[in-house]
Amino acid sequence: GQGFSEGAGRLLASAPYQRTPPDK
């Protein structure tokens, strides 16, 4: 699939570097 590179899975790579945590 493409869910990690184009969908919700991008959080695995980008979220640790964001200032605000992801929402529910």
mmCIF file of all heavy atoms, coordinates in Angstrom:
data_MODEL
# 
_entry.id   MODEL 
# 
loop_
_atom_site.group_PDB 
_atom_site.id 
_atom_site.type_symbol 
_atom_site.label_atom_id 
_atom_site.label_alt_id 
_atom_site.label_comp_id 
_atom_site.label_asym_id 
_atom_site.label_entity_id 
_atom_site.label_seq_id 
_atom_site.pdbx_PDB_ins_code 
_atom_site.Cartn_x 
_atom_site.Cartn_y 
_atom_site.Cartn_z 
_atom_site.occupancy 
_atom_site.B_iso_or_equiv 
_atom_site.pdbx_formal_charge 
_atom_site.auth_seq_id 
_atom_site.auth_comp_id 
_atom_site.auth_asym_id 
_atom_site.auth_atom_id 
_atom_site.pdbx_PDB_model_num 
ATOM 1   N N   . GLY A 1 1  ? 0.835   -1.195 0.000  1.00 0.00 ? 1  GLY A N   1 
ATOM 2   C CA  . GLY A 1 1  ? 0.000   0.000  0.000  1.00 0.00 ? 1  GLY A CA  1 
ATOM 3   C C   . GLY A 1 1  ? 0.869   1.244  0.000  1.00 0.00 ? 1  GLY A C   1 
ATOM 4   O O   . GLY A 1 1  ? 2.088   1.176  -0.116 1.00 0.00 ? 1  GLY A O   1 
ATOM 5   N N   . GLN A 1 2  ? 0.228   2.389  0.133  1.00 0.00 ? 2  GLN A N   1 
ATOM 6   C CA  . GLN A 1 2  ? 0.947   3.666  0.199  1.00 0.00 ? 2  GLN A CA  1 
ATOM 7   C C   . GLN A 1 2  ? 0.595   4.434  1.466  1.00 0.00 ? 2  GLN A C   1 
ATOM 8   O O   . GLN A 1 2  ? 0.859   5.624  1.560  1.00 0.00 ? 2  GLN A O   1 
ATOM 9   C CB  . GLN A 1 2  ? 0.597   4.520  -1.032 1.00 0.00 ? 2  GLN A CB  1 
ATOM 10  C CG  . GLN A 1 2  ? 1.026   3.908  -2.342 1.00 0.00 ? 2  GLN A CG  1 
ATOM 11  C CD  . GLN A 1 2  ? 2.534   3.775  -2.433 1.00 0.00 ? 2  GLN A CD  1 
ATOM 12  O OE1 . GLN A 1 2  ? 3.279   4.660  -2.036 1.00 0.00 ? 2  GLN A OE1 1 
ATOM 13  N NE2 . GLN A 1 2  ? 2.991   2.643  -2.938 1.00 0.00 ? 2  GLN A NE2 1 
ATOM 14  N N   . GLY A 1 3  ? 0.002   3.774  2.434  1.00 0.00 ? 3  GLY A N   1 
ATOM 15  C CA  . GLY A 1 3  ? -0.483  4.442  3.636  1.00 0.00 ? 3  GLY A CA  1 
ATOM 16  C C   . GLY A 1 3  ? 0.584   5.016  4.530  1.00 0.00 ? 3  GLY A C   1 
ATOM 17  O O   . GLY A 1 3  ? 0.331   5.956  5.286  1.00 0.00 ? 3  GLY A O   1 
ATOM 18  N N   . PHE A 1 4  ? 1.792   4.490  4.456  1.00 0.00 ? 4  PHE A N   1 
ATOM 19  C CA  . PHE A 1 4  ? 2.843   5.011  5.319  1.00 0.00 ? 4  PHE A CA  1 
ATOM 20  C C   . PHE A 1 4  ? 3.536   6.218  4.704  1.00 0.00 ? 4  PHE A C   1 
ATOM 21  O O   . PHE A 1 4  ? 3.805   7.192  5.392  1.00 0.00 ? 4  PHE A O   1 
ATOM 22  C CB  . PHE A 1 4  ? 3.862   3.916  5.655  1.00 0.00 ? 4  PHE A CB  1 
ATOM 23  C CG  . PHE A 1 4  ? 3.334   2.917  6.633  1.00 0.00 ? 4  PHE A CG  1 
ATOM 24  C CD1 . PHE A 1 4  ? 2.833   1.706  6.198  1.00 0.00 ? 4  PHE A CD1 1 
ATOM 25  C CD2 . PHE A 1 4  ? 3.314   3.188  7.979  1.00 0.00 ? 4  PHE A CD2 1 
ATOM 26  C CE1 . PHE A 1 4  ? 2.321   0.789  7.088  1.00 0.00 ? 4  PHE A CE1 1 
ATOM 27  C CE2 . PHE A 1 4  ? 2.804   2.275  8.891  1.00 0.00 ? 4  PHE A CE2 1 
ATOM 28  C CZ  . PHE A 1 4  ? 2.305   1.068  8.436  1.00 0.00 ? 4  PHE A CZ  1 
ATOM 29  N N   . SER A 1 5  ? 3.821   6.168  3.425  1.00 0.00 ? 5  SER A N   1 
ATOM 30  C CA  . SER A 1 5  ? 4.539   7.294  2.816  1.00 0.00 ? 5  SER A CA  1 
ATOM 31  C C   . SER A 1 5  ? 3.603   8.408  2.380  1.00 0.00 ? 5  SER A C   1 
ATOM 32  O O   . SER A 1 5  ? 4.032   9.554  2.258  1.00 0.00 ? 5  SER A O   1 
ATOM 33  C CB  . SER A 1 5  ? 5.366   6.808  1.621  1.00 0.00 ? 5  SER A CB  1 
ATOM 34  O OG  . SER A 1 5  ? 4.533   6.205  0.658  1.00 0.00 ? 5  SER A OG  1 
ATOM 35  N N   . GLU A 1 6  ? 2.321   8.112  2.171  1.00 0.00 ? 6  GLU A N   1 
ATOM 36  C CA  . GLU A 1 6  ? 1.395   9.142  1.705  1.00 0.00 ? 6  GLU A CA  1 
ATOM 37  C C   . GLU A 1 6  ? 0.208   9.363  2.634  1.00 0.00 ? 6  GLU A C   1 
ATOM 38  O O   . GLU A 1 6  ? -0.586  10.260 2.404  1.00 0.00 ? 6  GLU A O   1 
ATOM 39  C CB  . GLU A 1 6  ? 0.861   8.769  0.314  1.00 0.00 ? 6  GLU A CB  1 
ATOM 40  C CG  . GLU A 1 6  ? 1.935   8.730  -0.741 1.00 0.00 ? 6  GLU A CG  1 
ATOM 41  C CD  . GLU A 1 6  ? 1.388   8.296  -2.083 1.00 0.00 ? 6  GLU A CD  1 
ATOM 42  O OE1 . GLU A 1 6  ? 0.160   8.155  -2.228 1.00 0.00 ? 6  GLU A OE1 1 
ATOM 43  O OE2 . GLU A 1 6  ? 2.211   8.081  -2.995 1.00 0.00 ? 6  GLU A OE2 1 
ATOM 44  N N   . GLY A 1 7  ? 0.046   8.569  3.653  1.00 0.00 ? 7  GLY A N   1 
ATOM 45  C CA  . GLY A 1 7  ? -1.126  8.669  4.519  1.00 0.00 ? 7  GLY A CA  1 
ATOM 46  C C   . GLY A 1 7  ? -0.755  8.926  5.966  1.00 0.00 ? 7  GLY A C   1 
ATOM 47  O O   . GLY A 1 7  ? 0.206   9.633  6.273  1.00 0.00 ? 7  GLY A O   1 
ATOM 48  N N   . ALA A 1 8  ? -1.526  8.297  6.844  1.00 0.00 ? 8  ALA A N   1 
ATOM 49  C CA  . ALA A 1 8  ? -1.363  8.508  8.288  1.00 0.00 ? 8  ALA A CA  1 
ATOM 50  C C   . ALA A 1 8  ? -0.009  8.010  8.794  1.00 0.00 ? 8  ALA A C   1 
ATOM 51  O O   . ALA A 1 8  ? 0.472   8.474  9.830  1.00 0.00 ? 8  ALA A O   1 
ATOM 52  C CB  . ALA A 1 8  ? -2.477  7.793  9.038  1.00 0.00 ? 8  ALA A CB  1 
ATOM 53  N N   . GLY A 1 9  ? 0.624   7.130  8.060  1.00 0.00 ? 9  GLY A N   1 
ATOM 54  C CA  . GLY A 1 9  ? 1.910   6.588  8.488  1.00 0.00 ? 9  GLY A CA  1 
ATOM 55  C C   . GLY A 1 9  ? 3.040   7.588  8.481  1.00 0.00 ? 9  GLY A C   1 
ATOM 56  O O   . GLY A 1 9  ? 4.090   7.355  9.099  1.00 0.00 ? 9  GLY A O   1 
ATOM 57  N N   . ARG A 1 10 ? 2.839   8.724  7.826  1.00 0.00 ? 10 ARG A N   1 
ATOM 58  C CA  . ARG A 1 10 ? 3.893   9.757  7.828  1.00 0.00 ? 10 ARG A CA  1 
ATOM 59  C C   . ARG A 1 10 ? 4.192   10.241 9.239  1.00 0.00 ? 10 ARG A C   1 
ATOM 60  O O   . ARG A 1 10 ? 5.271   10.764 9.501  1.00 0.00 ? 10 ARG A O   1 
ATOM 61  C CB  . ARG A 1 10 ? 3.479   10.928 6.944  1.00 0.00 ? 10 ARG A CB  1 
ATOM 62  C CG  . ARG A 1 10 ? 3.504   10.586 5.463  1.00 0.00 ? 10 ARG A CG  1 
ATOM 63  C CD  . ARG A 1 10 ? 3.107   11.752 4.638  1.00 0.00 ? 10 ARG A CD  1 
ATOM 64  N NE  . ARG A 1 10 ? 1.679   12.009 4.917  1.00 0.00 ? 10 ARG A NE  1 
ATOM 65  C CZ  . ARG A 1 10 ? 0.982   12.989 4.395  1.00 0.00 ? 10 ARG A CZ  1 
ATOM 66  N NH1 . ARG A 1 10 ? 1.568   13.849 3.598  1.00 0.00 ? 10 ARG A NH1 1 
ATOM 67  N NH2 . ARG A 1 10 ? -0.289  13.134 4.676  1.00 0.00 ? 10 ARG A NH2 1 
ATOM 68  N N   . LEU A 1 11 ? 3.239   10.069 10.148 1.00 0.00 ? 11 LEU A N   1 
ATOM 69  C CA  . LEU A 1 11 ? 3.470   10.470 11.539 1.00 0.00 ? 11 LEU A CA  1 
ATOM 70  C C   . LEU A 1 11 ? 4.669   9.746  12.152 1.00 0.00 ? 11 LEU A C   1 
ATOM 71  O O   . LEU A 1 11 ? 5.340   10.291 13.028 1.00 0.00 ? 11 LEU A O   1 
ATOM 72  C CB  . LEU A 1 11 ? 2.231   10.185 12.389 1.00 0.00 ? 11 LEU A CB  1 
ATOM 73  C CG  . LEU A 1 11 ? 1.070   11.145 12.264 1.00 0.00 ? 11 LEU A CG  1 
ATOM 74  C CD1 . LEU A 1 11 ? -0.124  10.622 13.051 1.00 0.00 ? 11 LEU A CD1 1 
ATOM 75  C CD2 . LEU A 1 11 ? 1.467   12.514 12.754 1.00 0.00 ? 11 LEU A CD2 1 
ATOM 76  N N   . LEU A 1 12 ? 4.920   8.530  11.714 1.00 0.00 ? 12 LEU A N   1 
ATOM 77  C CA  . LEU A 1 12 ? 6.042   7.771  12.282 1.00 0.00 ? 12 LEU A CA  1 
ATOM 78  C C   . LEU A 1 12 ? 7.375   8.466  12.031 1.00 0.00 ? 12 LEU A C   1 
ATOM 79  O O   . LEU A 1 12 ? 8.294   8.359  12.846 1.00 0.00 ? 12 LEU A O   1 
ATOM 80  C CB  . LEU A 1 12 ? 6.078   6.356  11.688 1.00 0.00 ? 12 LEU A CB  1 
ATOM 81  C CG  . LEU A 1 12 ? 4.925   5.440  12.065 1.00 0.00 ? 12 LEU A CG  1 
ATOM 82  C CD1 . LEU A 1 12 ? 5.044   4.119  11.329 1.00 0.00 ? 12 LEU A CD1 1 
ATOM 83  C CD2 . LEU A 1 12 ? 4.855   5.227  13.556 1.00 0.00 ? 12 LEU A CD2 1 
ATOM 84  N N   . ALA A 1 13 ? 7.481   9.167  10.906 1.00 0.00 ? 13 ALA A N   1 
ATOM 85  C CA  . ALA A 1 13 ? 8.744   9.834  10.581 1.00 0.00 ? 13 ALA A CA  1 
ATOM 86  C C   . ALA A 1 13 ? 8.748   11.302 10.988 1.00 0.00 ? 13 ALA A C   1 
ATOM 87  O O   . ALA A 1 13 ? 9.780   11.834 11.379 1.00 0.00 ? 13 ALA A O   1 
ATOM 88  C CB  . ALA A 1 13 ? 9.020   9.723  9.086  1.00 0.00 ? 13 ALA A CB  1 
ATOM 89  N N   . SER A 1 14 ? 7.602   11.982 10.938 1.00 0.00 ? 14 SER A N   1 
ATOM 90  C CA  . SER A 1 14 ? 7.598   13.423 11.152 1.00 0.00 ? 14 SER A CA  1 
ATOM 91  C C   . SER A 1 14 ? 7.182   13.852 12.549 1.00 0.00 ? 14 SER A C   1 
ATOM 92  O O   . SER A 1 14 ? 7.616   14.903 13.028 1.00 0.00 ? 14 SER A O   1 
ATOM 93  C CB  . SER A 1 14 ? 6.667   14.087 10.129 1.00 0.00 ? 14 SER A CB  1 
ATOM 94  O OG  . SER A 1 14 ? 5.327   13.656 10.343 1.00 0.00 ? 14 SER A OG  1 
ATOM 95  N N   . ALA A 1 15 ? 6.361   13.099 13.233 1.00 0.00 ? 15 ALA A N   1 
ATOM 96  C CA  . ALA A 1 15 ? 5.814   13.537 14.520 1.00 0.00 ? 15 ALA A CA  1 
ATOM 97  C C   . ALA A 1 15 ? 6.864   13.768 15.603 1.00 0.00 ? 15 ALA A C   1 
ATOM 98  O O   . ALA A 1 15 ? 6.706   14.696 16.400 1.00 0.00 ? 15 ALA A O   1 
ATOM 99  C CB  . ALA A 1 15 ? 4.763   12.557 15.007 1.00 0.00 ? 15 ALA A CB  1 
ATOM 100 N N   . PRO A 1 16 ? 7.934   12.992 15.690 1.00 0.00 ? 16 PRO A N   1 
ATOM 101 C CA  . PRO A 1 16 ? 8.908   13.274 16.750 1.00 0.00 ? 16 PRO A CA  1 
ATOM 102 C C   . PRO A 1 16 ? 9.558   14.657 16.616 1.00 0.00 ? 16 PRO A C   1 
ATOM 103 O O   . PRO A 1 16 ? 10.084  15.187 17.596 1.00 0.00 ? 16 PRO A O   1 
ATOM 104 C CB  . PRO A 1 16 ? 9.952   12.168 16.585 1.00 0.00 ? 16 PRO A CB  1 
ATOM 105 C CG  . PRO A 1 16 ? 9.237   11.072 15.903 1.00 0.00 ? 16 PRO A CG  1 
ATOM 106 C CD  . PRO A 1 16 ? 8.238   11.734 15.018 1.00 0.00 ? 16 PRO A CD  1 
ATOM 107 N N   . TYR A 1 17 ? 9.490   15.260 15.444 1.00 0.00 ? 17 TYR A N   1 
ATOM 108 C CA  . TYR A 1 17 ? 10.129  16.555 15.224 1.00 0.00 ? 17 TYR A CA  1 
ATOM 109 C C   . TYR A 1 17 ? 9.139   17.708 15.246 1.00 0.00 ? 17 TYR A C   1 
ATOM 110 O O   . TYR A 1 17 ? 9.521   18.850 15.066 1.00 0.00 ? 17 TYR A O   1 
ATOM 111 C CB  . TYR A 1 17 ? 10.880  16.534 13.884 1.00 0.00 ? 17 TYR A CB  1 
ATOM 112 C CG  . TYR A 1 17 ? 11.845  15.377 13.807 1.00 0.00 ? 17 TYR A CG  1 
ATOM 113 C CD1 . TYR A 1 17 ? 11.571  14.279 13.010 1.00 0.00 ? 17 TYR A CD1 1 
ATOM 114 C CD2 . TYR A 1 17 ? 13.005  15.358 14.572 1.00 0.00 ? 17 TYR A CD2 1 
ATOM 115 C CE1 . TYR A 1 17 ? 12.434  13.204 12.958 1.00 0.00 ? 17 TYR A CE1 1 
ATOM 116 C CE2 . TYR A 1 17 ? 13.861  14.279 14.530 1.00 0.00 ? 17 TYR A CE2 1 
ATOM 117 C CZ  . TYR A 1 17 ? 13.582  13.205 13.716 1.00 0.00 ? 17 TYR A CZ  1 
ATOM 118 O OH  . TYR A 1 17 ? 14.431  12.141 13.676 1.00 0.00 ? 17 TYR A OH  1 
ATOM 119 N N   . GLN A 1 18 ? 7.857   17.426 15.450 1.00 0.00 ? 18 GLN A N   1 
ATOM 120 C CA  . GLN A 1 18 ? 6.854   18.479 15.513 1.00 0.00 ? 18 GLN A CA  1 
ATOM 121 C C   . GLN A 1 18 ? 6.733   19.013 16.935 1.00 0.00 ? 18 GLN A C   1 
ATOM 122 O O   . GLN A 1 18 ? 6.952   18.298 17.901 1.00 0.00 ? 18 GLN A O   1 
ATOM 123 C CB  . GLN A 1 18 ? 5.493   17.948 15.040 1.00 0.00 ? 18 GLN A CB  1 
ATOM 124 C CG  . GLN A 1 18 ? 5.466   17.559 13.589 1.00 0.00 ? 18 GLN A CG  1 
ATOM 125 C CD  . GLN A 1 18 ? 4.115   16.975 13.186 1.00 0.00 ? 18 GLN A CD  1 
ATOM 126 O OE1 . GLN A 1 18 ? 3.257   16.762 14.025 1.00 0.00 ? 18 GLN A OE1 1 
ATOM 127 N NE2 . GLN A 1 18 ? 3.957   16.708 11.900 1.00 0.00 ? 18 GLN A NE2 1 
ATOM 128 N N   . ARG A 1 19 ? 6.351   20.282 17.035 1.00 0.00 ? 19 ARG A N   1 
ATOM 129 C CA  . ARG A 1 19 ? 6.216   20.891 18.356 1.00 0.00 ? 19 ARG A CA  1 
ATOM 130 C C   . ARG A 1 19 ? 4.930   20.463 19.047 1.00 0.00 ? 19 ARG A C   1 
ATOM 131 O O   . ARG A 1 19 ? 4.903   20.341 20.266 1.00 0.00 ? 19 ARG A O   1 
ATOM 132 C CB  . ARG A 1 19 ? 6.245   22.405 18.235 1.00 0.00 ? 19 ARG A CB  1 
ATOM 133 C CG  . ARG A 1 19 ? 7.589   22.912 17.799 1.00 0.00 ? 19 ARG A CG  1 
ATOM 134 C CD  . ARG A 1 19 ? 7.565   24.412 17.671 1.00 0.00 ? 19 ARG A CD  1 
ATOM 135 N NE  . ARG A 1 19 ? 8.819   24.849 17.110 1.00 0.00 ? 19 ARG A NE  1 
ATOM 136 C CZ  . ARG A 1 19 ? 9.630   25.673 17.726 1.00 0.00 ? 19 ARG A CZ  1 
ATOM 137 N NH1 . ARG A 1 19 ? 9.306   26.159 18.888 1.00 0.00 ? 19 ARG A NH1 1 
ATOM 138 N NH2 . ARG A 1 19 ? 10.755  26.019 17.160 1.00 0.00 ? 19 ARG A NH2 1 
ATOM 139 N N   . THR A 1 20 ? 3.878   20.262 18.284 1.00 0.00 ? 20 THR A N   1 
ATOM 140 C CA  . THR A 1 20 ? 2.606   19.852 18.874 1.00 0.00 ? 20 THR A CA  1 
ATOM 141 C C   . THR A 1 20 ? 2.406   18.356 18.672 1.00 0.00 ? 20 THR A C   1 
ATOM 142 O O   . THR A 1 20 ? 2.679   17.829 17.602 1.00 0.00 ? 20 THR A O   1 
ATOM 143 C CB  . THR A 1 20 ? 1.420   20.611 18.216 1.00 0.00 ? 20 THR A CB  1 
ATOM 144 O OG1 . THR A 1 20 ? 1.408   20.316 16.827 1.00 0.00 ? 20 THR A OG1 1 
ATOM 145 C CG2 . THR A 1 20 ? 1.550   22.108 18.437 1.00 0.00 ? 20 THR A CG2 1 
ATOM 146 N N   . PRO A 1 21 ? 1.928   17.691 19.700 1.00 0.00 ? 21 PRO A N   1 
ATOM 147 C CA  . PRO A 1 21 ? 1.700   16.249 19.556 1.00 0.00 ? 21 PRO A CA  1 
ATOM 148 C C   . PRO A 1 21 ? 0.511   15.995 18.633 1.00 0.00 ? 21 PRO A C   1 
ATOM 149 O O   . PRO A 1 21 ? -0.374  16.841 18.496 1.00 0.00 ? 21 PRO A O   1 
ATOM 150 C CB  . PRO A 1 21 ? 1.411   15.776 20.982 1.00 0.00 ? 21 PRO A CB  1 
ATOM 151 C CG  . PRO A 1 21 ? 0.950   16.980 21.709 1.00 0.00 ? 21 PRO A CG  1 
ATOM 152 C CD  . PRO A 1 21 ? 1.614   18.162 21.057 1.00 0.00 ? 21 PRO A CD  1 
ATOM 153 N N   . PRO A 1 22 ? 0.462   14.829 18.013 1.00 0.00 ? 22 PRO A N   1 
ATOM 154 C CA  . PRO A 1 22 ? -0.668  14.501 17.127 1.00 0.00 ? 22 PRO A CA  1 
ATOM 155 C C   . PRO A 1 22 ? -1.959  14.380 17.934 1.00 0.00 ? 22 PRO A C   1 
ATOM 156 O O   . PRO A 1 22 ? -1.936  14.033 19.118 1.00 0.00 ? 22 PRO A O   1 
ATOM 157 C CB  . PRO A 1 22 ? -0.274  13.171 16.497 1.00 0.00 ? 22 PRO A CB  1 
ATOM 158 C CG  . PRO A 1 22 ? 0.754   12.606 17.394 1.00 0.00 ? 22 PRO A CG  1 
ATOM 159 C CD  . PRO A 1 22 ? 1.438   13.744 18.072 1.00 0.00 ? 22 PRO A CD  1 
ATOM 160 N N   . ASP A 1 23 ? -3.072  14.701 17.277 1.00 0.00 ? 23 ASP A N   1 
ATOM 161 C CA  . ASP A 1 23 ? -4.350  14.593 17.982 1.00 0.00 ? 23 ASP A CA  1 
ATOM 162 C C   . ASP A 1 23 ? -4.858  13.154 17.956 1.00 0.00 ? 23 ASP A C   1 
ATOM 163 O O   . ASP A 1 23 ? -4.275  12.266 17.334 1.00 0.00 ? 23 ASP A O   1 
ATOM 164 C CB  . ASP A 1 23 ? -5.373  15.567 17.404 1.00 0.00 ? 23 ASP A CB  1 
ATOM 165 C CG  . ASP A 1 23 ? -5.734  15.263 15.955 1.00 0.00 ? 23 ASP A CG  1 
ATOM 166 O OD1 . ASP A 1 23 ? -5.217  14.278 15.406 1.00 0.00 ? 23 ASP A OD1 1 
ATOM 167 O OD2 . ASP A 1 23 ? -6.533  16.021 15.391 1.00 0.00 ? 23 ASP A OD2 1 
ATOM 168 N N   . LYS A 1 24 ? -5.987  12.947 18.637 1.00 0.00 ? 24 LYS A N   1 
ATOM 169 C CA  . LYS A 1 24 ? -6.547  11.611 18.798 1.00 0.00 ? 24 LYS A CA  1 
ATOM 170 C C   . LYS A 1 24 ? -6.941  10.981 17.459 1.00 0.00 ? 24 LYS A C   1 
ATOM 171 O O   . LYS A 1 24 ? -6.714  9.794  17.240 1.00 0.00 ? 24 LYS A O   1 
ATOM 172 C CB  . LYS A 1 24 ? -7.766  11.716 19.709 1.00 0.00 ? 24 LYS A CB  1 
ATOM 173 C CG  . LYS A 1 24 ? -8.151  10.466 20.408 1.00 0.00 ? 24 LYS A CG  1 
ATOM 174 C CD  . LYS A 1 24 ? -9.373  10.733 21.254 1.00 0.00 ? 24 LYS A CD  1 
ATOM 175 C CE  . LYS A 1 24 ? -9.204  10.136 22.617 1.00 0.00 ? 24 LYS A CE  1 
ATOM 176 N NZ  . LYS A 1 24 ? -10.391 10.302 23.436 1.00 0.00 ? 24 LYS A NZ  1 
# 
